[in-house]
Amino acid sequence: MLFKLALRKVPGMRLVAVAHDGDQAIAYLSGRNEFANREKHPYPDVVFLDLKMPRVTGFEVLSWLQDKERKPFVTVFSGSEIESDMKRAFALGADTYKVKPSNSEAYAAVIKSVQEQVRSQRGTQRVSG
């Protein structure tokens, strides 16, 4: 909920989907089943990924993304500050790792910084996540 509130404060960012577990995230990213229509379910430029998702973890989603030709910019949002979690996330291809902020203002600041990173790397004007 804090993330959605914060996203409204960041011009140029729009939410294209919310996955409730890692399996749904993979289904969305692969365009599988109900997500096959890319006009209705566009491929995101950015993925904000929680490591502790049910069914399929964020680590598993990162592992699945590793061999894909088209990859979004992946920001791991985690409650974990454990160094081994950070190292593993980066080894699996995360572009950045952020500890979950405690309020919507801090979330907005993190989202803005991710937006700037993506723009500088990809030269995009508009970013969706």
Foldseek 3Di string as FASTA:
>chain_A
DLLVVLQVVAPQEDEQDDDQFLVSVVCLQVCHDPNVPCVNRPHFQEDEAEQPGPPAGSLNSLQVQQPDPDDHQYEYEYCDPDPVVVVSSVVSPHNYYHYHDDGSVVSNVVVNVVVVVSCVVPVDDHGYD
